[in-house]
All heavy atoms as atom14 arrays in JSON, in Angstrom:
{
  "sequence": "IGKCCHGDNEEDVYRQLCQILDEWIEIYEKDEILLPASISDKKYWHPS",
  "atom14_mask": [
    [1, 1, 1, 1, 1, 1, 1, 1, 0, 0, 0, 0, 0, 0],
    [1, 1, 1, 1, 0, 0, 0, 0, 0, 0, 0, 0, 0, 0],
    [1, 1, 1, 1, 1, 1, 1, 1, 1, 0, 0, 0, 0, 0],
    [1, 1, 1, 1, 1, 1, 0, 0, 0, 0, 0, 0, 0, 0],
    [1, 1, 1, 1, 1, 1, 0, 0, 0, 0, 0, 0, 0, 0],
    [1, 1, 1, 1, 1, 1, 1, 1, 1, 1, 0, 0, 0, 0],
    [1, 1, 1, 1, 0, 0, 0, 0, 0, 0, 0, 0, 0, 0],
    [1, 1, 1, 1, 1, 1, 1, 1, 0, 0, 0, 0, 0, 0],
    [1, 1, 1, 1, 1, 1, 1, 1, 0, 0, 0, 0, 0, 0],
    [1, 1, 1, 1, 1, 1, 1, 1, 1, 0, 0, 0, 0, 0],
    [1, 1, 1, 1, 1, 1, 1, 1, 1, 0, 0, 0, 0, 0],
    [1, 1, 1, 1, 1, 1, 1, 1, 0, 0, 0, 0, 0, 0],
    [1, 1, 1, 1, 1, 1, 1, 0, 0, 0, 0, 0, 0, 0],
    [1, 1, 1, 1, 1, 1, 1, 1, 1, 1, 1, 1, 0, 0],
    [1, 1, 1, 1, 1, 1, 1, 1, 1, 1, 1, 0, 0, 0],
    [1, 1, 1, 1, 1, 1, 1, 1, 1, 0, 0, 0, 0, 0],
    [1, 1, 1, 1, 1, 1, 1, 1, 0, 0, 0, 0, 0, 0],
    [1, 1, 1, 1, 1, 1, 0, 0, 0, 0, 0, 0, 0, 0],
    [1, 1, 1, 1, 1, 1, 1, 1, 1, 0, 0, 0, 0, 0],
    [1, 1, 1, 1, 1, 1, 1, 1, 0, 0, 0, 0, 0, 0],
    [1, 1, 1, 1, 1, 1, 1, 1, 0, 0, 0, 0, 0, 0],
    [1, 1, 1, 1, 1, 1, 1, 1, 0, 0, 0, 0, 0, 0],
    [1, 1, 1, 1, 1, 1, 1, 1, 1, 0, 0, 0, 0, 0],
    [1, 1, 1, 1, 1, 1, 1, 1, 1, 1, 1, 1, 1, 1],
    [1, 1, 1, 1, 1, 1, 1, 1, 0, 0, 0, 0, 0, 0],
    [1, 1, 1, 1, 1, 1, 1, 1, 1, 0, 0, 0, 0, 0],
    [1, 1, 1, 1, 1, 1, 1, 1, 0, 0, 0, 0, 0, 0],
    [1, 1, 1, 1, 1, 1, 1, 1, 1, 1, 1, 1, 0, 0],
    [1, 1, 1, 1, 1, 1, 1, 1, 1, 0, 0, 0, 0, 0],
    [1, 1, 1, 1, 1, 1, 1, 1, 1, 0, 0, 0, 0, 0],
    [1, 1, 1, 1, 1, 1, 1, 1, 0, 0, 0, 0, 0, 0],
    [1, 1, 1, 1, 1, 1, 1, 1, 1, 0, 0, 0, 0, 0],
    [1, 1, 1, 1, 1, 1, 1, 1, 0, 0, 0, 0, 0, 0],
    [1, 1, 1, 1, 1, 1, 1, 1, 0, 0, 0, 0, 0, 0],
    [1, 1, 1, 1, 1, 1, 1, 1, 0, 0, 0, 0, 0, 0],
    [1, 1, 1, 1, 1, 1, 1, 0, 0, 0, 0, 0, 0, 0],
    [1, 1, 1, 1, 1, 0, 0, 0, 0, 0, 0, 0, 0, 0],
    [1, 1, 1, 1, 1, 1, 0, 0, 0, 0, 0, 0, 0, 0],
    [1, 1, 1, 1, 1, 1, 1, 1, 0, 0, 0, 0, 0, 0],
    [1, 1, 1, 1, 1, 1, 0, 0, 0, 0, 0, 0, 0, 0],
    [1, 1, 1, 1, 1, 1, 1, 1, 0, 0, 0, 0, 0, 0],
    [1, 1, 1, 1, 1, 1, 1, 1, 1, 0, 0, 0, 0, 0],
    [1, 1, 1, 1, 1, 1, 1, 1, 1, 0, 0, 0, 0, 0],
    [1, 1, 1, 1, 1, 1, 1, 1, 1, 1, 1, 1, 0, 0],
    [1, 1, 1, 1, 1, 1, 1, 1, 1, 1, 1, 1, 1, 1],
    [1, 1, 1, 1, 1, 1, 1, 1, 1, 1, 0, 0, 0, 0],
    [1, 1, 1, 1, 1, 1, 1, 0, 0, 0, 0, 0, 0, 0],
    [1, 1, 1, 1, 1, 1, 0, 0, 0, 0, 0, 0, 0, 0]
  ],
  "atom14_positions": [
    [[0.81, -1.21, 0.0], [0.0, 0.0, 0.0], [0.85, 1.26, 0.0], [0.45, 2.29, -0.51], [-0.99, -0.02, 1.19], [-1.89, -1.25, 1.09], [-1.82, 1.25, 1.23], [-2.78, -1.46, 2.29], [0.0, 0.0, 0.0], [0.0, 0.0, 0.0], [0.0, 0.0, 0.0], [0.0, 0.0, 0.0], [0.0, 0.0, 0.0], [0.0, 0.0, 0.0]],
    [[2.05, 1.21, 0.52], [2.89, 2.39, 0.59], [2.39, 3.36, 1.64], [1.63, 2.99, 2.54], [0.0, 0.0, 0.0], [0.0, 0.0, 0.0], [0.0, 0.0, 0.0], [0.0, 0.0, 0.0], [0.0, 0.0, 0.0], [0.0, 0.0, 0.0], [0.0, 0.0, 0.0], [0.0, 0.0, 0.0], [0.0, 0.0, 0.0], [0.0, 0.0, 0.0]],
    [[2.81, 4.6, 1.55], [2.41, 5.61, 2.54], [0.94, 5.94, 2.33], [0.52, 6.28, 1.23], [3.27, 6.86, 2.4], [4.71, 6.59, 2.77], [5.56, 7.82, 2.62], [7.0, 7.48, 3.01], [7.88, 8.63, 2.83], [0.0, 0.0, 0.0], [0.0, 0.0, 0.0], [0.0, 0.0, 0.0], [0.0, 0.0, 0.0], [0.0, 0.0, 0.0]],
    [[0.15, 5.81, 3.42], [-1.3, 5.93, 3.23], [-2.02, 6.7, 4.34], [-3.22, 6.9, 4.25], [-1.92, 4.55, 3.07], [-1.6, 3.45, 4.44], [0.0, 0.0, 0.0], [0.0, 0.0, 0.0], [0.0, 0.0, 0.0], [0.0, 0.0, 0.0], [0.0, 0.0, 0.0], [0.0, 0.0, 0.0], [0.0, 0.0, 0.0], [0.0, 0.0, 0.0]],
    [[-1.32, 7.1, 5.39], [-1.98, 7.87, 6.45], [-0.93, 8.68, 7.21], [0.26, 8.39, 7.13], [-2.77, 6.96, 7.39], [-1.81, 5.67, 8.18], [0.0, 0.0, 0.0], [0.0, 0.0, 0.0], [0.0, 0.0, 0.0], [0.0, 0.0, 0.0], [0.0, 0.0, 0.0], [0.0, 0.0, 0.0], [0.0, 0.0, 0.0], [0.0, 0.0, 0.0]],
    [[-1.4, 9.69, 7.92], [-0.48, 10.54, 8.67], [-1.22, 11.2, 9.83], [-2.44, 11.22, 9.86], [0.14, 11.6, 7.76], [-0.86, 12.58, 7.24], [-1.67, 12.29, 6.15], [-1.22, 13.8, 7.66], [-2.46, 13.33, 5.93], [-2.21, 14.26, 6.83], [0.0, 0.0, 0.0], [0.0, 0.0, 0.0], [0.0, 0.0, 0.0], [0.0, 0.0, 0.0]],
    [[-0.45, 11.73, 10.77], [-1.05, 12.42, 11.9], [0.0, 12.82, 12.92], [1.18, 12.48, 12.81], [0.0, 0.0, 0.0], [0.0, 0.0, 0.0], [0.0, 0.0, 0.0], [0.0, 0.0, 0.0], [0.0, 0.0, 0.0], [0.0, 0.0, 0.0], [0.0, 0.0, 0.0], [0.0, 0.0, 0.0], [0.0, 0.0, 0.0], [0.0, 0.0, 0.0]],
    [[-0.45, 13.51, 13.96], [0.44, 14.01, 15.0], [0.74, 13.0, 16.1], [1.66, 13.18, 16.88], [-0.16, 15.27, 15.65], [-0.24, 16.42, 14.67], [0.61, 16.51, 13.77], [-1.18, 17.24, 14.81], [0.0, 0.0, 0.0], [0.0, 0.0, 0.0], [0.0, 0.0, 0.0], [0.0, 0.0, 0.0], [0.0, 0.0, 0.0], [0.0, 0.0, 0.0]],
    [[-0.09, 11.94, 16.19], [0.05, 10.96, 17.25], [0.43, 9.6, 16.66], [-0.29, 9.06, 15.81], [-1.26, 10.87, 18.03], [-1.18, 9.9, 19.17], [-1.2, 8.69, 18.97], [-1.11, 10.42, 20.39], [0.0, 0.0, 0.0], [0.0, 0.0, 0.0], [0.0, 0.0, 0.0], [0.0, 0.0, 0.0], [0.0, 0.0, 0.0], [0.0, 0.0, 0.0]],
    [[1.55, 9.05, 17.09], [2.07, 7.8, 16.55], [1.08, 6.64, 16.7], [0.88, 5.87, 15.76], [3.38, 7.47, 17.27], [4.13, 6.3, 16.73], [5.47, 6.11, 17.43], [5.77, 6.82, 18.41], [6.23, 5.22, 16.97], [0.0, 0.0, 0.0], [0.0, 0.0, 0.0], [0.0, 0.0, 0.0], [0.0, 0.0, 0.0], [0.0, 0.0, 0.0]],
    [[0.45, 6.54, 17.85], [-0.5, 5.44, 18.1], [-1.74, 5.58, 17.22], [-2.26, 4.58, 16.7], [-0.9, 5.38, 19.57], [0.21, 4.92, 20.49], [1.15, 6.05, 20.9], [0.83, 7.24, 20.67], [2.23, 5.75, 21.44], [0.0, 0.0, 0.0], [0.0, 0.0, 0.0], [0.0, 0.0, 0.0], [0.0, 0.0, 0.0], [0.0, 0.0, 0.0]],
    [[-2.22, 6.81, 17.03], [-3.38, 7.03, 16.17], [-3.06, 6.66, 14.72], [-3.9, 6.08, 14.03], [-3.85, 8.48, 16.23], [-4.52, 8.83, 17.55], [-4.91, 7.89, 18.29], [-4.64, 10.04, 17.84], [0.0, 0.0, 0.0], [0.0, 0.0, 0.0], [0.0, 0.0, 0.0], [0.0, 0.0, 0.0], [0.0, 0.0, 0.0], [0.0, 0.0, 0.0]],
    [[-1.87, 7.0, 14.27], [-1.48, 6.66, 12.9], [-1.39, 5.15, 12.75], [-1.84, 4.6, 11.74], [-0.14, 7.35, 12.52], [0.37, 6.85, 11.17], [-0.32, 8.86, 12.49], [0.0, 0.0, 0.0], [0.0, 0.0, 0.0], [0.0, 0.0, 0.0], [0.0, 0.0, 0.0], [0.0, 0.0, 0.0], [0.0, 0.0, 0.0], [0.0, 0.0, 0.0]],
    [[-0.88, 4.46, 13.77], [-0.81, 2.99, 13.7], [-2.23, 2.4, 13.62], [-2.47, 1.49, 12.82], [-0.06, 2.42, 14.9], [0.08, 0.93, 14.82], [1.06, 0.36, 14.02], [-0.77, 0.09, 15.53], [1.19, -1.02, 13.93], [-0.64, -1.28, 15.44], [0.34, -1.83, 14.63], [0.45, -3.19, 14.54], [0.0, 0.0, 0.0], [0.0, 0.0, 0.0]],
    [[-3.15, 2.93, 14.41], [-4.54, 2.43, 14.35], [-5.15, 2.68, 12.97], [-5.84, 1.82, 12.42], [-5.39, 3.09, 15.44], [-5.2, 2.44, 16.8], [-6.23, 2.94, 17.81], [-5.96, 4.3, 18.27], [-5.11, 4.61, 19.23], [-4.41, 3.67, 19.84], [-4.93, 5.86, 19.6], [0.0, 0.0, 0.0], [0.0, 0.0, 0.0], [0.0, 0.0, 0.0]],
    [[-4.91, 3.86, 12.41], [-5.39, 4.17, 11.06], [-4.81, 3.18, 10.05], [-5.52, 2.68, 9.17], [-4.97, 5.57, 10.63], [-5.64, 6.72, 11.32], [-5.03, 8.03, 10.87], [-4.72, 8.22, 9.69], [-4.83, 8.94, 11.81], [0.0, 0.0, 0.0], [0.0, 0.0, 0.0], [0.0, 0.0, 0.0], [0.0, 0.0, 0.0], [0.0, 0.0, 0.0]],
    [[-3.53, 2.9, 10.19], [-2.83, 2.0, 9.29], [-3.43, 0.59, 9.34], [-3.68, -0.02, 8.31], [-1.34, 1.97, 9.66], [-0.37, 1.32, 8.72], [-0.43, 1.95, 7.34], [1.04, 1.42, 9.28], [0.0, 0.0, 0.0], [0.0, 0.0, 0.0], [0.0, 0.0, 0.0], [0.0, 0.0, 0.0], [0.0, 0.0, 0.0], [0.0, 0.0, 0.0]],
    [[-3.71, 0.11, 10.54], [-4.33, -1.21, 10.7], [-5.72, -1.23, 10.08], [-6.1, -2.21, 9.43], [-4.39, -1.6, 12.17], [-2.77, -1.98, 12.87], [0.0, 0.0, 0.0], [0.0, 0.0, 0.0], [0.0, 0.0, 0.0], [0.0, 0.0, 0.0], [0.0, 0.0, 0.0], [0.0, 0.0, 0.0], [0.0, 0.0, 0.0], [0.0, 0.0, 0.0]],
    [[-6.49, -0.17, 10.26], [-7.83, -0.1, 9.68], [-7.75, -0.1, 8.15], [-8.53, -0.8, 7.49], [-8.55, 1.15, 10.17], [-9.96, 1.27, 9.62], [-10.69, 2.5, 10.13], [-10.22, 3.19, 11.03], [-11.83, 2.77, 9.56], [0.0, 0.0, 0.0], [0.0, 0.0, 0.0], [0.0, 0.0, 0.0], [0.0, 0.0, 0.0], [0.0, 0.0, 0.0]],
    [[-6.84, 0.67, 7.6], [-6.66, 0.71, 6.14], [-6.29, -0.67, 5.63], [-6.84, -1.14, 4.62], [-5.61, 1.77, 5.75], [-6.16, 3.17, 6.01], [-5.17, 1.6, 4.3], [-5.12, 4.27, 5.96], [0.0, 0.0, 0.0], [0.0, 0.0, 0.0], [0.0, 0.0, 0.0], [0.0, 0.0, 0.0], [0.0, 0.0, 0.0], [0.0, 0.0, 0.0]],
    [[-5.36, -1.33, 6.29], [-4.94, -2.66, 5.88], [-6.1, -3.64, 5.93], [-6.31, -4.43, 5.0], [-3.77, -3.14, 6.74], [-3.18, -4.5, 6.42], [-2.8, -4.63, 4.95], [-1.98, -4.77, 7.31], [0.0, 0.0, 0.0], [0.0, 0.0, 0.0], [0.0, 0.0, 0.0], [0.0, 0.0, 0.0], [0.0, 0.0, 0.0], [0.0, 0.0, 0.0]],
    [[-6.88, -3.61, 7.01], [-8.05, -4.49, 7.11], [-9.02, -4.24, 5.95], [-9.56, -5.19, 5.37], [-8.78, -4.26, 8.44], [-8.05, -4.84, 9.63], [-7.18, -5.73, 9.44], [-8.35, -4.41, 10.77], [0.0, 0.0, 0.0], [0.0, 0.0, 0.0], [0.0, 0.0, 0.0], [0.0, 0.0, 0.0], [0.0, 0.0, 0.0], [0.0, 0.0, 0.0]],
    [[-9.23, -2.98, 5.61], [-10.14, -2.65, 4.51], [-9.61, -3.15, 3.17], [-10.38, -3.67, 2.37], [-10.38, -1.14, 4.47], [-11.2, -0.64, 5.65], [-11.25, 0.87, 5.78], [-10.63, 1.58, 4.95], [-11.9, 1.35, 6.73], [0.0, 0.0, 0.0], [0.0, 0.0, 0.0], [0.0, 0.0, 0.0], [0.0, 0.0, 0.0], [0.0, 0.0, 0.0]],
    [[-8.32, -3.01, 2.93], [-7.73, -3.51, 1.68], [-7.84, -5.02, 1.6], [-8.16, -5.57, 0.55], [-6.27, -3.07, 1.57], [-6.12, -1.68, 1.01], [-6.46, -0.51, 1.61], [-5.6, -1.33, -0.27], [-6.16, 0.55, 0.79], [-5.63, 0.07, -0.37], [-5.09, -2.07, -1.32], [-5.19, 0.74, -1.5], [-4.64, -1.4, -2.45], [-4.7, -0.01, -2.53]],
    [[-7.58, -5.7, 2.7], [-7.71, -7.17, 2.71], [-9.15, -7.56, 2.39], [-9.39, -8.46, 1.58], [-7.25, -7.74, 4.07], [-5.73, -7.61, 4.21], [-7.68, -9.2, 4.22], [-5.19, -7.93, 5.59], [0.0, 0.0, 0.0], [0.0, 0.0, 0.0], [0.0, 0.0, 0.0], [0.0, 0.0, 0.0], [0.0, 0.0, 0.0], [0.0, 0.0, 0.0]],
    [[-10.1, -6.87, 3.0], [-11.52, -7.16, 2.76], [-11.88, -6.95, 1.28], [-12.58, -7.77, 0.67], [-12.37, -6.26, 3.65], [-13.85, -6.51, 3.54], [-14.66, -5.6, 4.46], [-14.18, -5.29, 5.57], [-15.76, -5.21, 4.05], [0.0, 0.0, 0.0], [0.0, 0.0, 0.0], [0.0, 0.0, 0.0], [0.0, 0.0, 0.0], [0.0, 0.0, 0.0]],
    [[-11.4, -5.86, 0.68], [-11.67, -5.57, -0.73], [-11.06, -6.65, -1.62], [-11.72, -7.15, -2.54], [-11.14, -4.17, -1.11], [-11.99, -3.09, -0.45], [-11.11, -3.99, -2.63], [-11.39, -1.7, -0.5], [0.0, 0.0, 0.0], [0.0, 0.0, 0.0], [0.0, 0.0, 0.0], [0.0, 0.0, 0.0], [0.0, 0.0, 0.0], [0.0, 0.0, 0.0]],
    [[-9.81, -7.0, -1.37], [-9.15, -8.03, -2.17], [-9.92, -9.34, -2.1], [-10.14, -10.01, -3.11], [-7.71, -8.23, -1.7], [-6.69, -7.38, -2.42], [-6.81, -6.0, -2.45], [-5.6, -7.96, -3.04], [-5.87, -5.22, -3.1], [-4.65, -7.19, -3.69], [-4.79, -5.81, -3.72], [-3.86, -5.05, -4.37], [0.0, 0.0, 0.0], [0.0, 0.0, 0.0]],
    [[-10.33, -9.73, -0.89], [-11.04, -11.0, -0.73], [-12.41, -10.94, -1.39], [-12.82, -11.9, -2.04], [-11.15, -11.36, 0.75], [-9.8, -11.77, 1.32], [-9.85, -12.11, 2.78], [-10.78, -11.68, 3.5], [-8.93, -12.82, 3.23], [0.0, 0.0, 0.0], [0.0, 0.0, 0.0], [0.0, 0.0, 0.0], [0.0, 0.0, 0.0], [0.0, 0.0, 0.0]],
    [[-13.11, -9.82, -1.26], [-14.43, -9.68, -1.9], [-14.31, -9.77, -3.41], [-15.14, -10.39, -4.08], [-15.04, -8.34, -1.5], [-16.4, -8.08, -2.11], [-16.94, -6.73, -1.69], [-18.22, -6.45, -2.44], [-18.26, -5.1, -2.96], [0.0, 0.0, 0.0], [0.0, 0.0, 0.0], [0.0, 0.0, 0.0], [0.0, 0.0, 0.0], [0.0, 0.0, 0.0]],
    [[-13.27, -9.16, -3.97], [-13.05, -9.16, -5.41], [-12.28, -10.39, -5.89], [-11.94, -10.48, -7.07], [-12.31, -7.9, -5.84], [-13.17, -6.64, -5.66], [-14.41, -6.77, -5.51], [-12.6, -5.53, -5.68], [0.0, 0.0, 0.0], [0.0, 0.0, 0.0], [0.0, 0.0, 0.0], [0.0, 0.0, 0.0], [0.0, 0.0, 0.0], [0.0, 0.0, 0.0]],
    [[-12.01, -11.3, -4.96], [-11.28, -12.55, -5.25], [-9.92, -12.29, -5.9], [-9.51, -12.97, -6.83], [-12.13, -13.48, -6.11], [-13.41, -13.9, -5.4], [-14.28, -14.84, -6.23], [-13.91, -15.18, -7.36], [-15.34, -15.22, -5.71], [0.0, 0.0, 0.0], [0.0, 0.0, 0.0], [0.0, 0.0, 0.0], [0.0, 0.0, 0.0], [0.0, 0.0, 0.0]],
    [[-9.23, -11.29, -5.34], [-7.87, -10.95, -5.78], [-6.91, -11.57, -4.78], [-7.11, -11.45, -3.57], [-7.66, -9.43, -5.85], [-8.64, -8.79, -6.84], [-6.22, -9.09, -6.21], [-8.67, -7.28, -6.79], [0.0, 0.0, 0.0], [0.0, 0.0, 0.0], [0.0, 0.0, 0.0], [0.0, 0.0, 0.0], [0.0, 0.0, 0.0], [0.0, 0.0, 0.0]],
    [[-5.88, -12.22, -5.27], [-4.88, -12.84, -4.41], [-4.16, -11.77, -3.6], [-3.71, -10.76, -4.15], [-3.89, -13.63, -5.27], [-2.9, -14.52, -4.55], [-3.64, -15.62, -3.79], [-1.95, -15.14, -5.55], [0.0, 0.0, 0.0], [0.0, 0.0, 0.0], [0.0, 0.0, 0.0], [0.0, 0.0, 0.0], [0.0, 0.0, 0.0], [0.0, 0.0, 0.0]],
    [[-4.07, -11.99, -2.3], [-3.35, -11.04, -1.44], [-1.86, -11.08, -1.74], [-1.31, -12.14, -2.06], [-3.59, -11.38, 0.03], [-5.0, -11.16, 0.56], [-5.13, -11.75, 1.96], [-5.35, -9.69, 0.57], [0.0, 0.0, 0.0], [0.0, 0.0, 0.0], [0.0, 0.0, 0.0], [0.0, 0.0, 0.0], [0.0, 0.0, 0.0], [0.0, 0.0, 0.0]],
    [[-1.19, -9.94, -1.63], [0.27, -9.92, -1.82], [0.97, -10.82, -0.81], [0.43, -11.08, 0.28], [0.64, -8.46, -1.59], [-0.61, -7.69, -1.79], [-1.72, -8.61, -1.36], [0.0, 0.0, 0.0], [0.0, 0.0, 0.0], [0.0, 0.0, 0.0], [0.0, 0.0, 0.0], [0.0, 0.0, 0.0], [0.0, 0.0, 0.0], [0.0, 0.0, 0.0]],
    [[2.17, -11.25, -1.16], [2.97, -12.07, -0.23], [3.16, -11.3, 1.06], [3.34, -10.08, 1.07], [4.31, -12.4, -0.86], [0.0, 0.0, 0.0], [0.0, 0.0, 0.0], [0.0, 0.0, 0.0], [0.0, 0.0, 0.0], [0.0, 0.0, 0.0], [0.0, 0.0, 0.0], [0.0, 0.0, 0.0], [0.0, 0.0, 0.0], [0.0, 0.0, 0.0]],
    [[3.12, -12.02, 2.15], [3.27, -11.38, 3.45], [4.7, -11.51, 3.94], [5.47, -12.33, 3.44], [2.32, -12.0, 4.47], [2.71, -13.32, 4.74], [0.0, 0.0, 0.0], [0.0, 0.0, 0.0], [0.0, 0.0, 0.0], [0.0, 0.0, 0.0], [0.0, 0.0, 0.0], [0.0, 0.0, 0.0], [0.0, 0.0, 0.0], [0.0, 0.0, 0.0]],
    [[5.04, -10.73, 4.96], [6.38, -10.8, 5.52], [6.6, -12.1, 6.27], [7.73, -12.5, 6.5], [6.7, -9.6, 6.43], [5.74, -9.55, 7.61], [6.69, -8.32, 5.66], [6.22, -8.69, 8.75], [0.0, 0.0, 0.0], [0.0, 0.0, 0.0], [0.0, 0.0, 0.0], [0.0, 0.0, 0.0], [0.0, 0.0, 0.0], [0.0, 0.0, 0.0]],
    [[5.52, -12.78, 6.67], [5.68, -14.02, 7.43], [6.31, -15.12, 6.59], [6.82, -16.09, 7.12], [4.34, -14.48, 8.0], [3.46, -14.81, 6.96], [0.0, 0.0, 0.0], [0.0, 0.0, 0.0], [0.0, 0.0, 0.0], [0.0, 0.0, 0.0], [0.0, 0.0, 0.0], [0.0, 0.0, 0.0], [0.0, 0.0, 0.0], [0.0, 0.0, 0.0]],
    [[6.28, -14.95, 5.26], [6.87, -15.94, 4.37], [8.37, -15.69, 4.15], [9.04, -16.5, 3.55], [6.19, -15.92, 3.01], [4.72, -16.26, 3.11], [4.35, -16.99, 4.05], [3.95, -15.8, 2.25], [0.0, 0.0, 0.0], [0.0, 0.0, 0.0], [0.0, 0.0, 0.0], [0.0, 0.0, 0.0], [0.0, 0.0, 0.0], [0.0, 0.0, 0.0]],
    [[8.86, -14.56, 4.61], [10.24, -14.19, 4.34], [11.16, -14.63, 5.46], [10.77, -14.68, 6.61], [10.34, -12.67, 4.14], [9.55, -12.21, 2.94], [9.68, -10.73, 2.74], [8.86, -10.34, 1.53], [8.84, -8.93, 1.31], [0.0, 0.0, 0.0], [0.0, 0.0, 0.0], [0.0, 0.0, 0.0], [0.0, 0.0, 0.0], [0.0, 0.0, 0.0]],
    [[12.38, -14.92, 5.11], [13.41, -15.29, 6.08], [14.4, -14.13, 6.15], [14.88, -13.64, 5.14], [14.15, -16.56, 5.63], [13.24, -17.73, 5.37], [12.78, -18.34, 6.66], [12.01, -19.6, 6.38], [10.69, -19.65, 6.88], [0.0, 0.0, 0.0], [0.0, 0.0, 0.0], [0.0, 0.0, 0.0], [0.0, 0.0, 0.0], [0.0, 0.0, 0.0]],
    [[14.65, -13.69, 7.36], [15.59, -12.59, 7.56], [16.81, -13.11, 8.3], [16.69, -13.89, 9.25], [14.93, -11.47, 8.38], [13.79, -10.83, 7.64], [12.48, -11.23, 7.87], [14.02, -9.84, 6.71], [11.43, -10.65, 7.18], [12.98, -9.24, 6.02], [11.69, -9.65, 6.26], [10.67, -9.07, 5.59], [0.0, 0.0, 0.0], [0.0, 0.0, 0.0]],
    [[17.96, -12.68, 7.87], [19.18, -13.09, 8.52], [20.16, -11.95, 8.44], [20.28, -11.25, 7.44], [19.79, -14.32, 7.86], [21.05, -14.75, 8.54], [21.16, -15.55, 9.62], [22.38, -14.35, 8.21], [22.46, -15.69, 9.99], [23.25, -14.96, 9.14], [22.93, -13.53, 7.23], [24.62, -14.78, 9.12], [24.3, -13.36, 7.21], [25.12, -14.0, 8.16]],
    [[20.87, -11.75, 9.52], [21.92, -10.76, 9.56], [22.96, -11.28, 10.56], [22.6, -11.85, 11.58], [21.37, -9.41, 10.03], [22.36, -8.31, 9.88], [23.31, -8.04, 10.85], [22.58, -7.44, 8.89], [24.05, -7.02, 10.46], [23.63, -6.65, 9.27], [0.0, 0.0, 0.0], [0.0, 0.0, 0.0], [0.0, 0.0, 0.0], [0.0, 0.0, 0.0]],
    [[24.25, -11.09, 10.27], [25.28, -11.62, 11.16], [25.17, -11.14, 12.6], [25.6, -11.83, 13.52], [26.59, -11.12, 10.53], [26.27, -10.66, 9.17], [24.8, -10.4, 9.11], [0.0, 0.0, 0.0], [0.0, 0.0, 0.0], [0.0, 0.0, 0.0], [0.0, 0.0, 0.0], [0.0, 0.0, 0.0], [0.0, 0.0, 0.0], [0.0, 0.0, 0.0]],
    [[24.56, -9.97, 12.82], [24.47, -9.46, 14.19], [23.28, -10.03, 14.96], [23.14, -9.79, 16.15], [24.4, -7.94, 14.19], [23.21, -7.5, 13.59], [0.0, 0.0, 0.0], [0.0, 0.0, 0.0], [0.0, 0.0, 0.0], [0.0, 0.0, 0.0], [0.0, 0.0, 0.0], [0.0, 0.0, 0.0], [0.0, 0.0, 0.0], [0.0, 0.0, 0.0]]
  ]
}
């Protein structure tokens, strides 16, 4: 989705972000569009 919301309060922006994401997921599922790959499928590694 990229940058999609803004505000003066960090927690409020996070709540907005979660709501936007929920709405996009709902739209994709309603329209039977495959959801993008999630981060849970990715493996992260760093020497530190």
